């Protein structure tokens, strides 16, 4: 009797939140309504407080440039965690990207620097995959080790490469690299000037919309466009291809995936190495676009904030992009009249917390309702009794926003079922 060989079908798509019996995913029209509502709220705050910078083109442009590295780090975390590997080492991979991107960028060209930054991050991802996938090291421990290792390696090589010879003559030091050439930026001619003229009138909502659109099309780095394309490609690859289905199955149920012929180790390795490359690209963006130099400590925790943005986005690219934009906006406040802008946004925070308190009270969650109401009252008193906020608080704003957003969104989050779990080949046998 002969046995006919058949091809092994890909594993069935795991049931995730948003299907029947789960929470509904946000559709594109709903996302647009949320964005419009947020802009409407910011317009009202601007009109009431007179803080014109919060929706200006310059503010939005700065927010975008700060959101890109956060978003790329979060995108790296999404790739790894969708395959079941927690990547706390994103910060270290970003550090490698900043260093090697600047090192190659000042010697050759910025685009070669971008490639070097990606390769540096991929090397960190390879180490993380080797430790977690092959040797079964705890994911958190491995990630922290990579963060520490990245700091040590870059500090050593910065002293070795940037503190002598031609590098020192061109401005290098033990803590920074010589400056590299900038990556080309583009502006939509005509449209940018037209939007700027509308913004100057300070019309309610219309001028705010013009400011936001103007910030998105004025002095836009080509690397920012590359980052936007990577978000789209990530969605298409992970959710619209058989490869992405198999990769996500490794993060949901690796035993079932292996039983259907998926090489779980291979997919985890690919995901974590790509994760490192994304984080390295975010680091290269910091050193080649934001500042044009490597500077010790310039990542400033953005790898962790990127991880928070990924969690806020419920492990999906669209939500991640919104989270990165929010954190980038909060980070950019310190660049333009930060004290005045943050003080104005306290009024918006009062409204959000008061609305949350009423919602919790309606849902009969009395303790959270009372806590939200009390905090809203305290923030209102702070707003009414001051004209600005201290610079120290402005600097801490992105981290405060990170904690606040995660605490408010925690109940709707759903991580991949096997995320962070050790997996050994054949364990389901």
Protein backbone atom coordinates (compact mmCIF):
# COMPACT_ATOMS: atom_id res chain seq x y z
CA UNK A 1 0.00 0.00 0.00
CA UNK A 2 1.38 3.38 -0.95
CA UNK A 3 0.98 6.58 1.00
CA UNK A 4 0.38 9.74 -0.99
CA UNK A 5 2.47 12.68 0.24
CA UNK A 6 0.54 15.84 0.80
CA UNK A 7 1.77 19.31 1.57
CA UNK A 8 1.36 20.43 5.15
CA UNK A 9 -1.13 23.28 5.41
CA UNK A 10 -0.21 26.36 7.40
CA UNK A 11 -1.44 26.45 10.99
CA UNK A 12 -4.90 27.78 11.56
CA UNK A 13 -5.14 31.40 12.56
CA UNK A 14 -5.39 31.70 16.33
CA UNK A 15 -8.45 33.28 17.80
CA UNK A 16 -7.64 36.72 19.04
CA UNK A 17 -9.46 39.50 20.73
CA UNK A 18 -11.70 41.32 18.30
CA UNK A 19 -13.55 38.32 16.91
CA UNK A 20 -16.77 36.88 18.21
CA UNK A 21 -16.90 37.06 21.92
CA UNK A 22 -13.95 39.44 22.06
CA UNK A 23 -13.52 43.16 21.98
CA UNK A 24 -14.14 44.81 18.63
CA UNK A 25 -11.08 46.10 16.83
CA UNK A 26 -11.07 49.73 15.85
CA UNK A 27 -11.98 50.19 12.19
CA UNK A 28 -10.24 52.77 10.03
CA UNK A 29 -13.21 55.22 10.11
CA UNK A 30 -13.33 54.95 13.90
CA UNK A 31 -9.58 55.65 14.11
CA UNK A 32 -10.10 58.74 11.94
CA UNK A 33 -12.90 59.88 14.26
CA UNK A 34 -10.62 59.42 17.28
CA UNK A 35 -7.88 61.48 15.62
CA UNK A 36 -10.40 64.18 14.65
CA UNK A 37 -11.75 64.23 18.21
CA UNK A 38 -8.25 64.58 19.64
CA UNK A 39 -7.50 67.46 17.26
CA UNK A 40 -10.80 69.10 18.18
CA UNK A 41 -9.89 68.84 21.87
CA UNK A 42 -6.45 70.34 21.23
CA UNK A 43 -8.08 73.15 19.23
CA UNK A 44 -10.35 73.93 22.15
CA UNK A 45 -7.41 73.94 24.56
CA UNK A 46 -5.45 76.23 22.26
CA UNK A 47 -8.37 78.64 21.94
CA UNK A 48 -9.01 78.73 25.70
CA UNK A 49 -5.43 78.95 26.92
CA UNK A 50 -3.77 80.82 24.05
CA UNK A 51 -0.97 78.23 23.81
CA UNK A 52 -0.58 78.48 20.03
CA UNK A 53 2.36 76.08 19.78
CA UNK A 54 0.53 72.89 20.68
CA UNK A 55 -0.87 72.47 17.14
CA UNK A 56 1.70 74.46 15.17
CA UNK A 57 3.52 72.99 12.17
CA UNK A 58 6.82 73.28 14.03
CA UNK A 59 5.42 71.34 17.00
CA UNK A 60 4.02 68.61 14.77
CA UNK A 61 7.24 68.36 12.76
CA UNK A 62 9.26 67.98 15.96
CA UNK A 63 6.78 65.44 17.30
CA UNK A 64 7.06 63.40 14.11
CA UNK A 65 10.86 63.34 14.23
CA UNK A 66 10.73 62.18 17.85
CA UNK A 67 7.96 59.65 17.20
CA UNK A 68 9.84 57.83 14.42
CA UNK A 69 12.58 56.23 16.57
CA UNK A 70 9.99 55.32 19.22
CA UNK A 71 7.77 53.80 16.55
CA UNK A 72 10.64 51.84 14.99
CA UNK A 73 11.64 50.45 18.39
CA UNK A 74 8.02 49.49 19.02
CA UNK A 75 7.83 47.88 15.58
CA UNK A 76 10.86 45.80 16.53
CA UNK A 77 9.13 44.75 19.73
CA UNK A 78 6.02 43.81 17.75
CA UNK A 79 7.95 41.47 15.45
CA UNK A 80 9.63 39.71 18.35
CA UNK A 81 6.59 39.40 20.60
CA UNK A 82 4.31 38.22 17.82
CA UNK A 83 6.72 35.29 17.56
CA UNK A 84 6.62 34.77 21.32
CA UNK A 85 9.89 36.45 22.37
CA UNK A 86 9.81 39.39 24.78
CA UNK A 87 12.44 41.92 23.69
CA UNK A 88 13.41 44.14 26.61
CA UNK A 89 16.74 44.56 24.82
CA UNK A 90 15.28 47.10 22.37
CA UNK A 91 17.05 49.91 24.19
CA UNK A 92 20.43 48.22 23.80
CA UNK A 93 19.77 47.47 20.13
CA UNK A 94 18.90 51.13 19.59
CA UNK A 95 22.17 52.12 21.27
CA UNK A 96 24.07 49.86 18.87
CA UNK A 97 22.19 51.47 16.00
CA UNK A 98 23.07 55.00 17.11
CA UNK A 99 26.74 54.16 17.50
CA UNK A 100 27.40 52.15 14.36
CA UNK A 101 25.15 54.40 12.29
CA UNK A 102 27.14 57.48 13.28
CA UNK A 103 30.48 55.65 13.01
CA UNK A 104 29.85 54.61 9.42
CA UNK A 105 27.93 57.77 8.56
CA UNK A 106 30.66 60.30 9.24
CA UNK A 107 33.26 58.23 7.36
CA UNK A 108 31.21 57.39 4.26
CA UNK A 109 27.63 58.51 3.64
CA UNK A 110 24.53 58.76 5.84
CA UNK A 111 22.75 55.95 3.98
CA UNK A 112 25.66 53.58 4.58
CA UNK A 113 25.41 54.73 8.18
CA UNK A 114 21.74 53.72 8.18
CA UNK A 115 22.71 50.27 6.90
CA UNK A 116 25.42 49.98 9.58
CA UNK A 117 22.93 50.98 12.27
CA UNK A 118 20.48 48.32 11.09
CA UNK A 119 23.24 45.68 11.08
CA UNK A 120 24.31 46.72 14.59
CA UNK A 121 20.76 46.29 15.85
CA UNK A 122 20.43 42.95 14.04
CA UNK A 123 23.58 41.74 15.79
CA UNK A 124 21.94 42.55 19.12
CA UNK A 125 18.82 40.73 17.96
CA UNK A 126 20.89 37.70 16.99
CA UNK A 127 22.41 37.57 20.48
CA UNK A 128 18.97 37.81 22.05
CA UNK A 129 17.62 35.05 19.81
CA UNK A 130 20.61 32.83 20.56
CA UNK A 131 20.12 33.26 24.30
CA UNK A 132 16.33 32.92 24.43
CA UNK A 133 15.51 30.54 21.59
CA UNK A 134 18.50 28.21 21.52
CA UNK A 135 19.61 28.22 25.17
CA UNK A 136 16.25 28.99 26.81
CA UNK A 137 17.49 31.95 28.87
CA UNK A 138 14.75 33.99 30.51
CA UNK A 139 13.72 36.69 28.02
CA UNK A 140 13.84 39.54 30.53
CA UNK A 141 17.29 38.59 31.80
CA UNK A 142 18.64 38.28 28.27
CA UNK A 143 17.20 41.67 27.28
CA UNK A 144 18.67 43.43 30.30
CA UNK A 145 22.03 41.79 29.63
CA UNK A 146 21.99 43.10 26.05
CA UNK A 147 21.17 46.60 27.28
CA UNK A 148 24.13 46.52 29.64
CA UNK A 149 26.40 44.97 27.01
CA UNK A 150 25.44 47.61 24.43
CA UNK A 151 26.34 50.44 26.79
CA UNK A 152 29.70 48.85 27.57
CA UNK A 153 30.58 48.06 23.95
CA UNK A 154 29.70 51.52 22.62
CA UNK A 155 31.48 53.29 25.48
CA UNK A 156 34.65 51.28 24.82
CA UNK A 157 34.63 51.78 21.05
CA UNK A 158 33.75 55.47 21.33
CA UNK A 159 36.91 56.02 23.37
CA UNK A 160 38.88 53.91 20.89
CA UNK A 161 37.55 55.32 17.60
CA UNK A 162 36.30 58.85 18.27
CA UNK A 163 39.00 60.18 20.60
CA UNK A 164 42.04 60.17 18.33
CA UNK A 165 43.27 60.81 14.83
CA UNK A 166 40.97 62.22 12.18
CA UNK A 167 37.86 61.65 14.29
CA UNK A 168 39.20 63.85 17.11
CA UNK A 169 40.20 66.55 14.63
CA UNK A 170 36.65 66.65 13.25
CA UNK A 171 35.00 67.05 16.65
CA UNK A 172 35.01 63.54 18.06
CA UNK A 173 35.44 62.80 21.76
CA UNK A 174 35.05 59.83 24.12
CA UNK A 175 31.33 60.60 24.33
CA UNK A 176 30.43 61.67 20.80
CA UNK A 177 31.28 61.10 17.15
CA UNK A 178 32.23 63.63 14.50
CA UNK A 179 29.18 65.05 12.70
CA UNK A 180 27.80 63.16 9.70
CA UNK A 181 26.06 64.60 6.67
CA UNK A 182 22.30 64.92 6.95
CA UNK A 183 19.80 62.76 5.11
CA UNK A 184 17.81 64.63 2.48
CA UNK A 185 14.53 66.21 3.59
CA UNK A 186 11.61 67.00 1.31
CA UNK A 187 8.85 69.62 1.40
CA UNK A 188 5.72 69.62 -0.75
CA UNK A 189 6.13 72.88 -2.69
CA UNK A 190 3.24 75.34 -2.67
CA UNK A 191 1.04 73.29 -0.38
CA UNK A 192 3.32 73.84 2.62
CA UNK A 193 3.25 77.64 2.21
CA UNK A 194 -0.52 77.61 1.71
CA UNK A 195 -1.07 75.63 4.90
CA UNK A 196 1.31 77.95 6.79
CA UNK A 197 -0.75 80.97 5.70
CA UNK A 198 -3.94 79.33 7.01
CA UNK A 199 -2.26 78.42 10.29
CA UNK A 200 -1.31 82.06 10.95
CA UNK A 201 -4.99 83.10 11.13
CA UNK A 202 -5.50 80.92 14.25
CA UNK A 203 -8.99 79.89 13.15
CA UNK A 204 -10.62 77.30 15.38
CA UNK A 205 -9.90 73.76 14.14
CA UNK A 206 -9.16 74.87 10.55
CA UNK A 207 -5.83 76.48 11.45
CA UNK A 208 -5.05 73.59 13.77
CA UNK A 209 -5.68 71.10 10.97
CA UNK A 210 -3.49 73.18 8.66
CA UNK A 211 -0.72 73.20 11.26
CA UNK A 212 -0.85 69.42 11.65
CA UNK A 213 -0.85 68.77 7.89
CA UNK A 214 1.89 71.35 7.37
CA UNK A 215 4.09 69.65 9.95
CA UNK A 216 3.65 66.34 8.12
CA UNK A 217 4.79 67.63 4.71
CA UNK A 218 7.45 70.22 5.61
CA UNK A 219 11.14 69.25 5.93
CA UNK A 220 10.21 65.57 5.97
CA UNK A 221 13.25 63.29 6.15
CA UNK A 222 13.40 60.50 3.61
CA UNK A 223 14.11 58.12 6.48
CA UNK A 224 10.76 59.11 7.99
CA UNK A 225 9.10 58.00 4.77
CA UNK A 226 11.03 54.72 4.96
CA UNK A 227 9.72 54.23 8.52
CA UNK A 228 6.13 54.81 7.38
CA UNK A 229 6.59 52.25 4.60
CA UNK A 230 7.93 49.74 7.14
CA UNK A 231 4.75 50.07 9.20
CA UNK A 232 2.65 49.24 6.14
CA UNK A 233 4.93 46.36 5.12
CA UNK A 234 4.84 44.93 8.64
CA UNK A 235 1.04 44.83 8.56
CA UNK A 236 0.99 43.24 5.12
CA UNK A 237 3.64 40.64 5.92
CA UNK A 238 2.38 39.61 9.35
CA UNK A 239 -1.36 39.68 8.66
CA UNK A 240 -1.72 39.08 4.92
CA UNK A 241 0.82 36.33 4.13
CA UNK A 242 1.30 32.67 5.01
CA UNK A 243 4.73 33.56 6.42
CA UNK A 244 3.16 36.05 8.83
CA UNK A 245 0.48 33.56 9.85
CA UNK A 246 3.11 30.95 10.72
CA UNK A 247 5.21 33.52 12.59
CA UNK A 248 2.24 34.68 14.67
CA UNK A 249 1.29 31.07 15.38
CA UNK A 250 4.70 30.68 17.06
CA UNK A 251 3.66 33.38 19.50
CA UNK A 252 0.22 31.96 20.13
CA UNK A 253 0.76 28.19 20.27
CA UNK A 254 4.21 26.98 19.20
CA UNK A 255 3.40 23.34 20.00
CA UNK A 256 0.47 23.35 17.58
CA UNK A 257 2.57 25.21 15.01
CA UNK A 258 5.32 22.61 15.24
CA UNK A 259 2.79 19.80 14.86
CA UNK A 260 1.76 21.33 11.53
CA UNK A 261 5.31 21.45 10.21
CA UNK A 262 6.39 24.96 11.18
CA UNK A 263 10.05 25.27 12.18
CA UNK A 264 9.40 27.35 15.30
CA UNK A 265 13.07 28.06 16.00
CA UNK A 266 13.61 29.46 12.50
CA UNK A 267 10.63 31.78 12.70
CA UNK A 268 11.61 33.02 16.16
CA UNK A 269 15.15 33.71 14.96
CA UNK A 270 13.88 35.64 11.94
CA UNK A 271 11.47 37.67 14.07
CA UNK A 272 14.02 38.62 16.73
CA UNK A 273 16.73 39.51 14.19
CA UNK A 274 14.24 41.69 12.29
CA UNK A 275 13.26 43.16 15.66
CA UNK A 276 16.86 44.15 16.30
CA UNK A 277 17.16 45.63 12.81
CA UNK A 278 14.09 47.81 13.38
CA UNK A 279 15.44 49.04 16.70
CA UNK A 280 18.85 49.65 15.12
CA UNK A 281 17.17 51.71 12.40
CA UNK A 282 15.48 53.76 15.10
CA UNK A 283 18.86 54.35 16.70
CA UNK A 284 20.40 55.33 13.36
CA UNK A 285 17.57 57.83 12.92
CA UNK A 286 18.54 59.47 16.21
CA UNK A 287 22.21 59.81 15.29
CA UNK A 288 21.84 60.64 11.57
CA UNK A 289 18.59 62.62 11.36
CA UNK A 290 17.78 64.07 14.77
CA UNK A 291 21.29 65.15 15.80
CA UNK A 292 23.78 64.12 13.03
CA UNK A 293 26.15 62.72 15.68
CA UNK A 294 26.38 59.83 18.09
CA UNK A 295 26.12 61.12 21.64
CA UNK A 296 26.42 58.91 24.69
CA UNK A 297 23.01 58.29 26.25
CA UNK A 298 21.05 59.83 23.38
CA UNK A 299 18.47 57.04 23.25
CA UNK A 300 17.24 58.26 26.67
CA UNK A 301 14.98 55.27 27.27
CA UNK A 302 13.21 55.45 23.90
CA UNK A 303 13.55 51.69 23.51
CA UNK A 304 11.44 51.22 26.63
CA UNK A 305 8.96 53.87 25.49
CA UNK A 306 8.74 52.06 22.15
CA UNK A 307 7.88 48.88 24.03
CA UNK A 308 5.19 50.81 25.91
CA UNK A 309 3.83 52.17 22.61
CA UNK A 310 3.63 48.62 21.27
CA UNK A 311 1.70 47.48 24.34
CA UNK A 312 -0.60 50.52 24.10
CA UNK A 313 -1.22 49.59 20.46
CA UNK A 314 -2.26 46.06 21.50
CA UNK A 315 0.55 44.44 19.51
CA UNK A 316 -0.74 45.84 16.19
CA UNK A 317 0.99 48.33 13.83
CA UNK A 318 -1.88 50.84 13.68
CA UNK A 319 -2.24 51.16 17.43
CA UNK A 320 1.55 51.26 17.76
CA UNK A 321 1.71 54.19 15.32
CA UNK A 322 -0.87 56.10 17.38
CA UNK A 323 1.02 55.38 20.59
CA UNK A 324 4.34 56.46 19.08
CA UNK A 325 2.73 59.66 17.86
CA UNK A 326 1.36 60.39 21.32
CA UNK A 327 4.69 59.79 23.03
CA UNK A 328 6.56 61.73 20.33
CA UNK A 329 4.20 64.67 20.81
CA UNK A 330 4.67 64.64 24.58
CA UNK A 331 8.44 64.44 24.11
CA UNK A 332 8.47 67.39 21.69
CA UNK A 333 6.70 69.71 24.13
CA UNK A 334 10.01 70.55 25.80
CA UNK A 335 11.38 71.93 22.52
CA UNK A 336 8.86 74.78 22.00
CA UNK A 337 7.54 76.80 24.96
CA UNK A 338 7.36 73.59 26.96
CA UNK A 339 6.19 75.07 30.25
CA UNK A 340 3.31 76.97 28.65
CA UNK A 341 2.26 74.08 26.39
CA UNK A 342 2.30 71.45 29.14
CA UNK A 343 0.39 73.83 31.43
CA UNK A 344 -2.29 74.21 28.75
CA UNK A 345 -2.54 70.44 28.35
CA UNK A 346 -3.27 70.10 32.06
CA UNK A 347 -6.75 71.39 31.22
CA UNK A 348 -7.18 68.60 28.70
CA UNK A 349 -5.99 66.09 31.28
CA UNK A 350 -8.66 67.36 33.70
CA UNK A 351 -11.38 66.74 31.12
CA UNK A 352 -10.08 63.23 30.31
CA UNK A 353 -9.84 62.22 33.97
CA UNK A 354 -13.28 63.68 34.76
CA UNK A 355 -14.78 61.77 31.83
CA UNK A 356 -13.04 58.60 32.99
CA UNK A 357 -14.41 59.09 36.50
CA UNK A 358 -17.98 59.42 35.19
CA UNK A 359 -17.56 56.35 33.00
CA UNK A 360 -16.21 54.27 35.89
CA UNK A 361 -19.05 55.47 38.10
CA UNK A 362 -21.56 54.49 35.41
CA UNK A 363 -19.93 51.03 35.27
CA UNK A 364 -20.18 50.87 39.09
CA UNK A 365 -16.42 50.76 39.52
CA UNK A 366 -16.57 53.16 42.41
CA UNK A 367 -12.97 53.07 43.67
CA UNK A 368 -11.39 53.86 40.25
CA UNK A 369 -14.08 56.53 39.77
CA UNK A 370 -13.19 58.22 43.04
CA UNK A 371 -9.43 58.01 42.34
CA UNK A 372 -9.88 59.52 38.87
CA UNK A 373 -12.12 62.27 40.23
CA UNK A 374 -9.70 63.20 43.00
CA UNK A 375 -6.74 63.33 40.59
CA UNK A 376 -8.81 65.46 38.17
CA UNK A 377 -9.61 67.90 40.99
CA UNK A 378 -5.95 68.14 42.03
CA UNK A 379 -4.81 68.75 38.45
CA UNK A 380 -7.50 71.43 38.07
CA UNK A 381 -6.27 73.20 41.21
CA UNK A 382 -2.72 72.99 39.83
CA UNK A 383 -3.86 74.51 36.53
CA UNK A 384 -5.85 77.35 38.13
CA UNK A 385 -3.16 78.36 40.61
CA UNK A 386 -0.18 78.42 38.20
CA UNK A 387 0.74 79.97 34.86
CA UNK A 388 3.36 77.44 33.78
CA UNK A 389 5.00 74.20 34.92
CA UNK A 390 8.61 73.64 36.00
CA UNK A 391 11.09 72.59 33.34
CA UNK A 392 11.82 69.41 35.31
CA UNK A 393 8.21 68.31 34.86
CA UNK A 394 8.30 69.20 31.16
CA UNK A 395 11.32 66.93 30.72
CA UNK A 396 9.51 64.11 32.53
CA UNK A 397 6.29 64.54 30.51
CA UNK A 398 6.85 61.64 28.04
CA UNK A 399 7.49 59.22 30.90
CA UNK A 400 4.44 60.45 32.83
CA UNK A 401 2.34 60.06 29.68
CA UNK A 402 3.71 56.53 29.23
CA UNK A 403 2.60 55.48 32.72
CA UNK A 404 -0.76 57.23 32.41
CA UNK A 405 -1.62 55.73 29.02
CA UNK A 406 -0.64 52.19 30.02
CA UNK A 407 -2.66 52.41 33.22
CA UNK A 408 -5.76 53.62 31.34
CA UNK A 409 -5.50 51.07 28.51
CA UNK A 410 -4.46 48.00 30.51
CA UNK A 411 -7.93 46.43 30.58
CA UNK A 412 -8.28 46.15 26.79
CA UNK A 413 -4.85 44.67 26.10
CA UNK A 414 -4.28 41.11 24.93
CA UNK A 415 -0.75 39.85 24.41
CA UNK A 416 0.15 36.76 22.34
CA UNK A 417 -0.61 33.70 24.46
CA UNK A 418 2.89 32.20 24.37
CA UNK A 419 4.71 35.53 24.66
CA UNK A 420 7.75 35.21 26.91
CA UNK A 421 7.38 31.47 27.44
CA UNK A 422 10.33 29.11 27.04
CA UNK A 423 9.87 26.71 24.19
CA UNK A 424 11.90 23.58 23.50
CA UNK A 425 11.69 21.74 20.23
CA UNK A 426 9.48 18.66 20.47
CA UNK A 427 8.00 19.55 23.85
CA UNK A 428 4.50 18.79 22.61
CA UNK A 429 5.38 15.20 21.73
